[in-house]
Amino acid sequence: DSVRGRFTISRDNAKNTVYLQMNSLKPEDTAVYYC
């Protein structure tokens, strides 16, 4: 709930890669992010 509307998860199957697009970042988003 805290990121819905601001973050978008996507994937590129050809590259075996997932992405997290983070917009409108807030100080409370500060953290270590783990896949």
PDB file of all heavy atoms in Angstrom:
ATOM      1  N   ASP A   1       0.813  -1.209   0.000  1.00  0.00           N
ATOM      2  CA  ASP A   1       0.000   0.000   0.000  1.00  0.00           C
ATOM      3  C   ASP A   1       0.852   1.267   0.000  1.00  0.00           C
ATOM      4  O   ASP A   1       0.474   2.279  -0.596  1.00  0.00           O
ATOM      5  CB  ASP A   1      -0.934   0.007   1.205  1.00  0.00           C
ATOM      6  CG  ASP A   1      -2.040  -1.019   1.101  1.00  0.00           C
ATOM      7  OD1 ASP A   1      -2.308  -1.511  -0.012  1.00  0.00           O
ATOM      8  OD2 ASP A   1      -2.652  -1.337   2.140  1.00  0.00           O
ATOM      9  N   SER A   2       1.997   1.212   0.648  1.00  0.00           N
ATOM     10  CA  SER A   2       2.836   2.384   0.798  1.00  0.00           C
ATOM     11  C   SER A   2       3.472   2.848  -0.511  1.00  0.00           C
ATOM     12  O   SER A   2       3.914   3.996  -0.603  1.00  0.00           O
ATOM     13  CB  SER A   2       3.929   2.126   1.836  1.00  0.00           C
ATOM     14  OG  SER A   2       4.727   1.021   1.454  1.00  0.00           O
ATOM     15  N   VAL A   3       3.521   1.972  -1.516  1.00  0.00           N
ATOM     16  CA  VAL A   3       4.178   2.326  -2.776  1.00  0.00           C
ATOM     17  C   VAL A   3       3.240   2.291  -3.968  1.00  0.00           C
ATOM     18  O   VAL A   3       3.620   2.744  -5.054  1.00  0.00           O
ATOM     19  CB  VAL A   3       5.390   1.415  -3.058  1.00  0.00           C
ATOM     20  CG1 VAL A   3       6.340   1.403  -1.868  1.00  0.00           C
ATOM     21  CG2 VAL A   3       4.948  -0.002  -3.402  1.00  0.00           C
ATOM     22  N   ARG A   4       2.039   1.775  -3.791  1.00  0.00           N
ATOM     23  CA  ARG A   4       1.094   1.662  -4.898  1.00  0.00           C
ATOM     24  C   ARG A   4       0.807   3.040  -5.494  1.00  0.00           C
ATOM     25  O   ARG A   4       0.541   3.996  -4.776  1.00  0.00           O
ATOM     26  CB  ARG A   4      -0.199   1.005  -4.434  1.00  0.00           C
ATOM     27  CG  ARG A   4      -1.170   0.694  -5.584  1.00  0.00           C
ATOM     28  CD  ARG A   4      -2.410  -0.058  -5.089  1.00  0.00           C
ATOM     29  NE  ARG A   4      -2.080  -1.394  -4.612  1.00  0.00           N
ATOM     30  CZ  ARG A   4      -2.093  -1.749  -3.333  1.00  0.00           C
ATOM     31  NH1 ARG A   4      -2.432  -0.869  -2.397  1.00  0.00           N
ATOM     32  NH2 ARG A   4      -1.772  -2.984  -2.989  1.00  0.00           N
ATOM     33  N   GLY A   5       0.902   3.129  -6.816  1.00  0.00           N
ATOM     34  CA  GLY A   5       0.704   4.392  -7.502  1.00  0.00           C
ATOM     35  C   GLY A   5       1.980   5.154  -7.741  1.00  0.00           C
ATOM     36  O   GLY A   5       1.995   6.073  -8.569  1.00  0.00           O
ATOM     37  N   ARG A   6       3.044   4.810  -7.026  1.00  0.00           N
ATOM     38  CA  ARG A   6       4.334   5.474  -7.207  1.00  0.00           C
ATOM     39  C   ARG A   6       5.388   4.551  -7.807  1.00  0.00           C
ATOM     40  O   ARG A   6       6.241   5.003  -8.564  1.00  0.00           O
ATOM     41  CB  ARG A   6       4.851   6.015  -5.872  1.00  0.00           C
ATOM     42  CG  ARG A   6       3.950   7.052  -5.231  1.00  0.00           C
ATOM     43  CD  ARG A   6       4.599   7.675  -4.000  1.00  0.00           C
ATOM     44  NE  ARG A   6       4.867   6.681  -2.959  1.00  0.00           N
ATOM     45  CZ  ARG A   6       6.075   6.403  -2.474  1.00  0.00           C
ATOM     46  NH1 ARG A   6       7.138   7.052  -2.935  1.00  0.00           N
ATOM     47  NH2 ARG A   6       6.224   5.493  -1.518  1.00  0.00           N
ATOM     48  N   PHE A   7       5.336   3.267  -7.450  1.00  0.00           N
ATOM     49  CA  PHE A   7       6.307   2.286  -7.930  1.00  0.00           C
ATOM     50  C   PHE A   7       5.652   1.376  -8.957  1.00  0.00           C
ATOM     51  O   PHE A   7       4.458   1.061  -8.858  1.00  0.00           O
ATOM     52  CB  PHE A   7       6.830   1.420  -6.788  1.00  0.00           C
ATOM     53  CG  PHE A   7       7.692   2.132  -5.780  1.00  0.00           C
ATOM     54  CD1 PHE A   7       7.837   3.511  -5.786  1.00  0.00           C
ATOM     55  CD2 PHE A   7       8.364   1.399  -4.812  1.00  0.00           C
ATOM     56  CE1 PHE A   7       8.625   4.160  -4.855  1.00  0.00           C
ATOM     57  CE2 PHE A   7       9.161   2.030  -3.878  1.00  0.00           C
ATOM     58  CZ  PHE A   7       9.295   3.409  -3.891  1.00  0.00           C
ATOM     59  N   THR A   8       6.439   0.930  -9.927  1.00  0.00           N
ATOM     60  CA  THR A   8       5.967   0.000 -10.934  1.00  0.00           C
ATOM     61  C   THR A   8       6.988  -1.119 -11.112  1.00  0.00           C
ATOM     62  O   THR A   8       8.164  -0.850 -11.362  1.00  0.00           O
ATOM     63  CB  THR A   8       5.734   0.690 -12.288  1.00  0.00           C
ATOM     64  OG1 THR A   8       4.792   1.754 -12.137  1.00  0.00           O
ATOM     65  CG2 THR A   8       5.193  -0.314 -13.308  1.00  0.00           C
ATOM     66  N   ILE A   9       6.536  -2.365 -10.976  1.00  0.00           N
ATOM     67  CA  ILE A   9       7.408  -3.501 -11.213  1.00  0.00           C
ATOM     68  C   ILE A   9       7.160  -4.017 -12.626  1.00  0.00           C
ATOM     69  O   ILE A   9       6.021  -4.061 -13.090  1.00  0.00           O
ATOM     70  CB  ILE A   9       7.198  -4.611 -10.163  1.00  0.00           C
ATOM     71  CG1 ILE A   9       8.258  -5.704 -10.313  1.00  0.00           C
ATOM     72  CG2 ILE A   9       5.793  -5.194 -10.240  1.00  0.00           C
ATOM     73  CD1 ILE A   9       8.290  -6.687  -9.152  1.00  0.00           C
ATOM     74  N   SER A  10       8.220  -4.387 -13.315  1.00  0.00           N
ATOM     75  CA  SER A  10       8.116  -4.890 -14.671  1.00  0.00           C
ATOM     76  C   SER A  10       9.197  -5.930 -14.902  1.00  0.00           C
ATOM     77  O   SER A  10      10.062  -6.142 -14.047  1.00  0.00           O
ATOM     78  CB  SER A  10       8.217  -3.759 -15.698  1.00  0.00           C
ATOM     79  OG  SER A  10       9.470  -3.106 -15.608  1.00  0.00           O
ATOM     80  N   ARG A  11       9.158  -6.571 -16.052  1.00  0.00           N
ATOM     81  CA  ARG A  11      10.139  -7.601 -16.357  1.00  0.00           C
ATOM     82  C   ARG A  11      10.518  -7.567 -17.823  1.00  0.00           C
ATOM     83  O   ARG A  11       9.744  -7.122 -18.676  1.00  0.00           O
ATOM     84  CB  ARG A  11       9.592  -8.985 -16.001  1.00  0.00           C
ATOM     85  CG  ARG A  11       8.419  -9.414 -16.870  1.00  0.00           C
ATOM     86  CD  ARG A  11       7.805 -10.704 -16.413  1.00  0.00           C
ATOM     87  NE  ARG A  11       6.719 -11.123 -17.292  1.00  0.00           N
ATOM     88  CZ  ARG A  11       5.877 -12.090 -17.037  1.00  0.00           C
ATOM     89  NH1 ARG A  11       5.976 -12.766 -15.894  1.00  0.00           N
ATOM     90  NH2 ARG A  11       4.927 -12.393 -17.905  1.00  0.00           N
ATOM     91  N   ASP A  12      11.711  -8.037 -18.110  1.00  0.00           N
ATOM     92  CA  ASP A  12      12.186  -8.249 -19.463  1.00  0.00           C
ATOM     93  C   ASP A  12      12.627  -9.707 -19.519  1.00  0.00           C
ATOM     94  O   ASP A  12      13.724 -10.044 -19.073  1.00  0.00           O
ATOM     95  CB  ASP A  12      13.337  -7.307 -19.803  1.00  0.00           C
ATOM     96  CG  ASP A  12      13.774  -7.410 -21.251  1.00  0.00           C
ATOM     97  OD1 ASP A  12      13.573  -8.464 -21.876  1.00  0.00           O
ATOM     98  OD2 ASP A  12      14.330  -6.427 -21.770  1.00  0.00           O
ATOM     99  N   ASN A  13      11.767 -10.551 -20.047  1.00  0.00           N
ATOM    100  CA  ASN A  13      12.045 -11.983 -20.043  1.00  0.00           C
ATOM    101  C   ASN A  13      13.294 -12.335 -20.849  1.00  0.00           C
ATOM    102  O   ASN A  13      14.033 -13.255 -20.486  1.00  0.00           O
ATOM    103  CB  ASN A  13      10.842 -12.754 -20.587  1.00  0.00           C
ATOM    104  CG  ASN A  13       9.648 -12.717 -19.662  1.00  0.00           C
ATOM    105  OD1 ASN A  13       9.795 -12.613 -18.440  1.00  0.00           O
ATOM    106  ND2 ASN A  13       8.452 -12.812 -20.225  1.00  0.00           N
ATOM    107  N   ALA A  14      13.533 -11.611 -21.937  1.00  0.00           N
ATOM    108  CA  ALA A  14      14.695 -11.893 -22.766  1.00  0.00           C
ATOM    109  C   ALA A  14      15.995 -11.652 -22.014  1.00  0.00           C
ATOM    110  O   ALA A  14      17.012 -12.299 -22.288  1.00  0.00           O
ATOM    111  CB  ALA A  14      14.654 -11.058 -24.040  1.00  0.00           C
ATOM    112  N   LYS A  15      15.974 -10.717 -21.065  1.00  0.00           N
ATOM    113  CA  LYS A  15      17.161 -10.394 -20.287  1.00  0.00           C
ATOM    114  C   LYS A  15      17.158 -11.036 -18.906  1.00  0.00           C
ATOM    115  O   LYS A  15      18.087 -10.814 -18.128  1.00  0.00           O
ATOM    116  CB  LYS A  15      17.298  -8.884 -20.140  1.00  0.00           C
ATOM    117  CG  LYS A  15      17.496  -8.140 -21.452  1.00  0.00           C
ATOM    118  CD  LYS A  15      17.643  -6.647 -21.218  1.00  0.00           C
ATOM    119  CE  LYS A  15      17.869  -5.904 -22.519  1.00  0.00           C
ATOM    120  NZ  LYS A  15      18.003  -4.441 -22.307  1.00  0.00           N
ATOM    121  N   ASN A  16      16.121 -11.806 -18.597  1.00  0.00           N
ATOM    122  CA  ASN A  16      15.983 -12.418 -17.275  1.00  0.00           C
ATOM    123  C   ASN A  16      16.140 -11.378 -16.169  1.00  0.00           C
ATOM    124  O   ASN A  16      16.838 -11.600 -15.175  1.00  0.00           O
ATOM    125  CB  ASN A  16      16.995 -13.551 -17.094  1.00  0.00           C
ATOM    126  CG  ASN A  16      16.779 -14.686 -18.059  1.00  0.00           C
ATOM    127  OD1 ASN A  16      15.643 -15.084 -18.324  1.00  0.00           O
ATOM    128  ND2 ASN A  16      17.864 -15.227 -18.598  1.00  0.00           N
ATOM    129  N   THR A  17      15.480 -10.256 -16.356  1.00  0.00           N
ATOM    130  CA  THR A  17      15.642  -9.118 -15.471  1.00  0.00           C
ATOM    131  C   THR A  17      14.290  -8.549 -15.076  1.00  0.00           C
ATOM    132  O   THR A  17      13.385  -8.465 -15.906  1.00  0.00           O
ATOM    133  CB  THR A  17      16.482  -8.020 -16.142  1.00  0.00           C
ATOM    134  OG1 THR A  17      17.778  -8.538 -16.462  1.00  0.00           O
ATOM    135  CG2 THR A  17      16.644  -6.815 -15.230  1.00  0.00           C
ATOM    136  N   VAL A  18      14.155  -8.182 -13.815  1.00  0.00           N
ATOM    137  CA  VAL A  18      12.986  -7.452 -13.339  1.00  0.00           C
ATOM    138  C   VAL A  18      13.430  -6.066 -12.904  1.00  0.00           C
ATOM    139  O   VAL A  18      14.578  -5.865 -12.489  1.00  0.00           O
ATOM    140  CB  VAL A  18      12.255  -8.182 -12.196  1.00  0.00           C
ATOM    141  CG1 VAL A  18      11.689  -9.504 -12.685  1.00  0.00           C
ATOM    142  CG2 VAL A  18      13.181  -8.387 -11.009  1.00  0.00           C
ATOM    143  N   TYR A  19      12.514  -5.122 -12.990  1.00  0.00           N
ATOM    144  CA  TYR A  19      12.806  -3.735 -12.687  1.00  0.00           C
ATOM    145  C   TYR A  19      11.813  -3.212 -11.661  1.00  0.00           C
ATOM    146  O   TYR A  19      10.688  -3.691 -11.551  1.00  0.00           O
ATOM    147  CB  TYR A  19      12.716  -2.874 -13.945  1.00  0.00           C
ATOM    148  CG  TYR A  19      13.602  -3.333 -15.071  1.00  0.00           C
ATOM    149  CD1 TYR A  19      13.114  -4.182 -16.058  1.00  0.00           C
ATOM    150  CD2 TYR A  19      14.924  -2.924 -15.151  1.00  0.00           C
ATOM    151  CE1 TYR A  19      13.921  -4.610 -17.093  1.00  0.00           C
ATOM    152  CE2 TYR A  19      15.740  -3.349 -16.184  1.00  0.00           C
ATOM    153  CZ  TYR A  19      15.236  -4.188 -17.154  1.00  0.00           C
ATOM    154  OH  TYR A  19      16.043  -4.606 -18.181  1.00  0.00           O
ATOM    155  N   LEU A  20      12.245  -2.220 -10.930  1.00  0.00           N
ATOM    156  CA  LEU A  20      11.359  -1.482 -10.057  1.00  0.00           C
ATOM    157  C   LEU A  20      11.545  -0.004 -10.348  1.00  0.00           C
ATOM    158  O   LEU A  20      12.569   0.579  -9.985  1.00  0.00           O
ATOM    159  CB  LEU A  20      11.645  -1.774  -8.581  1.00  0.00           C
ATOM    160  CG  LEU A  20      10.672  -1.138  -7.588  1.00  0.00           C
ATOM    161  CD1 LEU A  20       9.289  -1.778  -7.721  1.00  0.00           C
ATOM    162  CD2 LEU A  20      11.183  -1.266  -6.155  1.00  0.00           C
ATOM    163  N   GLN A  21      10.580   0.579 -11.050  1.00  0.00           N
ATOM    164  CA  GLN A  21      10.589   2.004 -11.325  1.00  0.00           C
ATOM    165  C   GLN A  21       9.977   2.722 -10.134  1.00  0.00           C
ATOM    166  O   GLN A  21       8.820   2.483  -9.790  1.00  0.00           O
ATOM    167  CB  GLN A  21       9.801   2.319 -12.594  1.00  0.00           C
ATOM    168  CG  GLN A  21       9.734   3.800 -12.939  1.00  0.00           C
ATOM    169  CD  GLN A  21      11.083   4.372 -13.307  1.00  0.00           C
ATOM    170  OE1 GLN A  21      11.822   3.763 -14.065  1.00  0.00           O
ATOM    171  NE2 GLN A  21      11.411   5.536 -12.760  1.00  0.00           N
ATOM    172  N   MET A  22      10.743   3.591  -9.504  1.00  0.00           N
ATOM    173  CA  MET A  22      10.317   4.286  -8.307  1.00  0.00           C
ATOM    174  C   MET A  22      10.210   5.768  -8.612  1.00  0.00           C
ATOM    175  O   MET A  22      11.212   6.423  -8.906  1.00  0.00           O
ATOM    176  CB  MET A  22      11.299   4.041  -7.161  1.00  0.00           C
ATOM    177  CG  MET A  22      11.531   2.567  -6.864  1.00  0.00           C
ATOM    178  SD  MET A  22      12.592   2.306  -5.414  1.00  0.00           S
ATOM    179  CE  MET A  22      14.133   2.989  -6.029  1.00  0.00           C
ATOM    180  N   ASN A  23       9.001   6.294  -8.555  1.00  0.00           N
ATOM    181  CA  ASN A  23       8.739   7.703  -8.806  1.00  0.00           C
ATOM    182  C   ASN A  23       8.225   8.375  -7.540  1.00  0.00           C
ATOM    183  O   ASN A  23       7.775   7.715  -6.608  1.00  0.00           O
ATOM    184  CB  ASN A  23       7.716   7.868  -9.930  1.00  0.00           C
ATOM    185  CG  ASN A  23       8.183   7.309 -11.249  1.00  0.00           C
ATOM    186  OD1 ASN A  23       9.372   7.363 -11.579  1.00  0.00           O
ATOM    187  ND2 ASN A  23       7.249   6.777 -12.033  1.00  0.00           N
ATOM    188  N   SER A  24       8.273   9.694  -7.535  1.00  0.00           N
ATOM    189  CA  SER A  24       7.788  10.481  -6.399  1.00  0.00           C
ATOM    190  C   SER A  24       8.358   9.964  -5.090  1.00  0.00           C
ATOM    191  O   SER A  24       7.645   9.759  -4.108  1.00  0.00           O
ATOM    192  CB  SER A  24       6.257  10.473  -6.371  1.00  0.00           C
ATOM    193  OG  SER A  24       5.716  10.989  -7.562  1.00  0.00           O
ATOM    194  N   LEU A  25       9.652   9.758  -5.069  1.00  0.00           N
ATOM    195  CA  LEU A  25      10.293   9.164  -3.904  1.00  0.00           C
ATOM    196  C   LEU A  25      10.195  10.069  -2.684  1.00  0.00           C
ATOM    197  O   LEU A  25      10.248  11.295  -2.790  1.00  0.00           O
ATOM    198  CB  LEU A  25      11.751   8.843  -4.215  1.00  0.00           C
ATOM    199  CG  LEU A  25      11.948   7.589  -5.065  1.00  0.00           C
ATOM    200  CD1 LEU A  25      13.335   7.577  -5.695  1.00  0.00           C
ATOM    201  CD2 LEU A  25      11.739   6.338  -4.211  1.00  0.00           C
ATOM    202  N   LYS A  26      10.054   9.432  -1.536  1.00  0.00           N
ATOM    203  CA  LYS A  26       9.938  10.106  -0.255  1.00  0.00           C
ATOM    204  C   LYS A  26      11.079   9.668   0.655  1.00  0.00           C
ATOM    205  O   LYS A  26      11.620   8.579   0.485  1.00  0.00           O
ATOM    206  CB  LYS A  26       8.599   9.765   0.413  1.00  0.00           C
ATOM    207  CG  LYS A  26       7.375  10.038  -0.434  1.00  0.00           C
ATOM    208  CD  LYS A  26       6.120   9.524   0.253  1.00  0.00           C
ATOM    209  CE  LYS A  26       4.887   9.773  -0.580  1.00  0.00           C
ATOM    210  NZ  LYS A  26       3.663   9.249   0.083  1.00  0.00           N
ATOM    211  N   PRO A  27      11.450  10.491   1.633  1.00  0.00           N
ATOM    212  CA  PRO A  27      12.506  10.078   2.561  1.00  0.00           C
ATOM    213  C   PRO A  27      12.215   8.734   3.229  1.00  0.00           C
ATOM    214  O   PRO A  27      13.155   7.972   3.494  1.00  0.00           O
ATOM    215  CB  PRO A  27      12.538  11.217   3.583  1.00  0.00           C
ATOM    216  CG  PRO A  27      12.105  12.411   2.803  1.00  0.00           C
ATOM    217  CD  PRO A  27      11.053  11.894   1.860  1.00  0.00           C
ATOM    218  N   GLU A  28      10.956   8.428   3.491  1.00  0.00           N
ATOM    219  CA  GLU A  28      10.614   7.160   4.114  1.00  0.00           C
ATOM    220  C   GLU A  28      10.826   5.959   3.201  1.00  0.00           C
ATOM    221  O   GLU A  28      10.707   4.813   3.644  1.00  0.00           O
ATOM    222  CB  GLU A  28       9.170   7.169   4.646  1.00  0.00           C
ATOM    223  CG  GLU A  28       8.153   7.646   3.630  1.00  0.00           C
ATOM    224  CD  GLU A  28       7.797   9.112   3.783  1.00  0.00           C
ATOM    225  OE1 GLU A  28       8.723   9.932   3.965  1.00  0.00           O
ATOM    226  OE2 GLU A  28       6.598   9.446   3.734  1.00  0.00           O
ATOM    227  N   ASP A  29      11.119   6.193   1.925  1.00  0.00           N
ATOM    228  CA  ASP A  29      11.478   5.107   1.024  1.00  0.00           C
ATOM    229  C   ASP A  29      12.934   4.680   1.194  1.00  0.00           C
ATOM    230  O   ASP A  29      13.351   3.682   0.597  1.00  0.00           O
ATOM    231  CB  ASP A  29      11.246   5.511  -0.435  1.00  0.00           C
ATOM    232  CG  ASP A  29       9.779   5.736  -0.752  1.00  0.00           C
ATOM    233  OD1 ASP A  29       8.931   4.954  -0.285  1.00  0.00           O
ATOM    234  OD2 ASP A  29       9.482   6.712  -1.486  1.00  0.00           O
ATOM    235  N   THR A  30      13.699   5.426   1.961  1.00  0.00           N
ATOM    236  CA  THR A  30      15.103   5.103   2.183  1.00  0.00           C
ATOM    237  C   THR A  30      15.233   3.731   2.835  1.00  0.00           C
ATOM    238  O   THR A  30      14.643   3.465   3.878  1.00  0.00           O
ATOM    239  CB  THR A  30      15.766   6.164   3.062  1.00  0.00           C
ATOM    240  OG1 THR A  30      15.781   7.419   2.372  1.00  0.00           O
ATOM    241  CG2 THR A  30      17.200   5.769   3.402  1.00  0.00           C
ATOM    242  N   ALA A  31      16.004   2.849   2.207  1.00  0.00           N
ATOM    243  CA  ALA A  31      16.170   1.484   2.695  1.00  0.00           C
ATOM    244  C   ALA A  31      17.136   0.753   1.783  1.00  0.00           C
ATOM    245  O   ALA A  31      17.504   1.255   0.714  1.00  0.00           O
ATOM    246  CB  ALA A  31      14.824   0.746   2.718  1.00  0.00           C
ATOM    247  N   VAL A  32      17.537  -0.426   2.222  1.00  0.00           N
ATOM    248  CA  VAL A  32      18.204  -1.363   1.333  1.00  0.00           C
ATOM    249  C   VAL A  32      17.123  -2.168   0.637  1.00  0.00           C
ATOM    250  O   VAL A  32      16.256  -2.753   1.294  1.00  0.00           O
ATOM    251  CB  VAL A  32      19.170  -2.292   2.089  1.00  0.00           C
ATOM    252  CG1 VAL A  32      19.784  -3.311   1.131  1.00  0.00           C
ATOM    253  CG2 VAL A  32      20.264  -1.483   2.771  1.00  0.00           C
ATOM    254  N   TYR A  33      17.165  -2.191  -0.676  1.00  0.00           N
ATOM    255  CA  TYR A  33      16.169  -2.901  -1.466  1.00  0.00           C
ATOM    256  C   TYR A  33      16.746  -4.233  -1.927  1.00  0.00           C
ATOM    257  O   TYR A  33      17.837  -4.283  -2.494  1.00  0.00           O
ATOM    258  CB  TYR A  33      15.736  -2.056  -2.667  1.00  0.00           C
ATOM    259  CG  TYR A  33      14.788  -0.945  -2.286  1.00  0.00           C
ATOM    260  CD1 TYR A  33      15.232   0.140  -1.543  1.00  0.00           C
ATOM    261  CD2 TYR A  33      13.443  -0.995  -2.656  1.00  0.00           C
ATOM    262  CE1 TYR A  33      14.361   1.152  -1.164  1.00  0.00           C
ATOM    263  CE2 TYR A  33      12.573   0.019  -2.291  1.00  0.00           C
ATOM    264  CZ  TYR A  33      13.034   1.086  -1.545  1.00  0.00           C
ATOM    265  OH  TYR A  33      12.161   2.086  -1.183  1.00  0.00           O
ATOM    266  N   TYR A  34      15.986  -5.302  -1.690  1.00  0.00           N
ATOM    267  CA  TYR A  34      16.418  -6.652  -2.002  1.00  0.00           C
ATOM    268  C   TYR A  34      15.528  -7.272  -3.063  1.00  0.00           C
ATOM    269  O   TYR A  34      14.303  -7.179  -2.986  1.00  0.00           O
ATOM    270  CB  TYR A  34      16.363  -7.537  -0.758  1.00  0.00           C
ATOM    271  CG  TYR A  34      17.312  -7.137   0.340  1.00  0.00           C
ATOM    272  CD1 TYR A  34      16.912  -6.263   1.343  1.00  0.00           C
ATOM    273  CD2 TYR A  34      18.607  -7.642   0.383  1.00  0.00           C
ATOM    274  CE1 TYR A  34      17.773  -5.898   2.357  1.00  0.00           C
ATOM    275  CE2 TYR A  34      19.473  -7.283   1.395  1.00  0.00           C
ATOM    276  CZ  TYR A  34      19.052  -6.416   2.377  1.00  0.00           C
ATOM    277  OH  TYR A  34      19.911  -6.058   3.390  1.00  0.00           O
ATOM    278  N   CYS A  35      16.145  -7.915  -4.021  1.00  0.00           N
ATOM    279  CA  CYS A  35      15.420  -8.695  -5.011  1.00  0.00           C
ATOM    280  C   CYS A  35      15.163 -10.086  -4.458  1.00  0.00           C
ATOM    281  O   CYS A  35      16.021 -10.674  -3.792  1.00  0.00           O
ATOM    282  CB  CYS A  35      16.233  -8.778  -6.304  1.00  0.00           C
ATOM    283  SG  CYS A  35      15.402  -9.633  -7.661  1.00  0.00           S
TER     284      CYS A  35
END
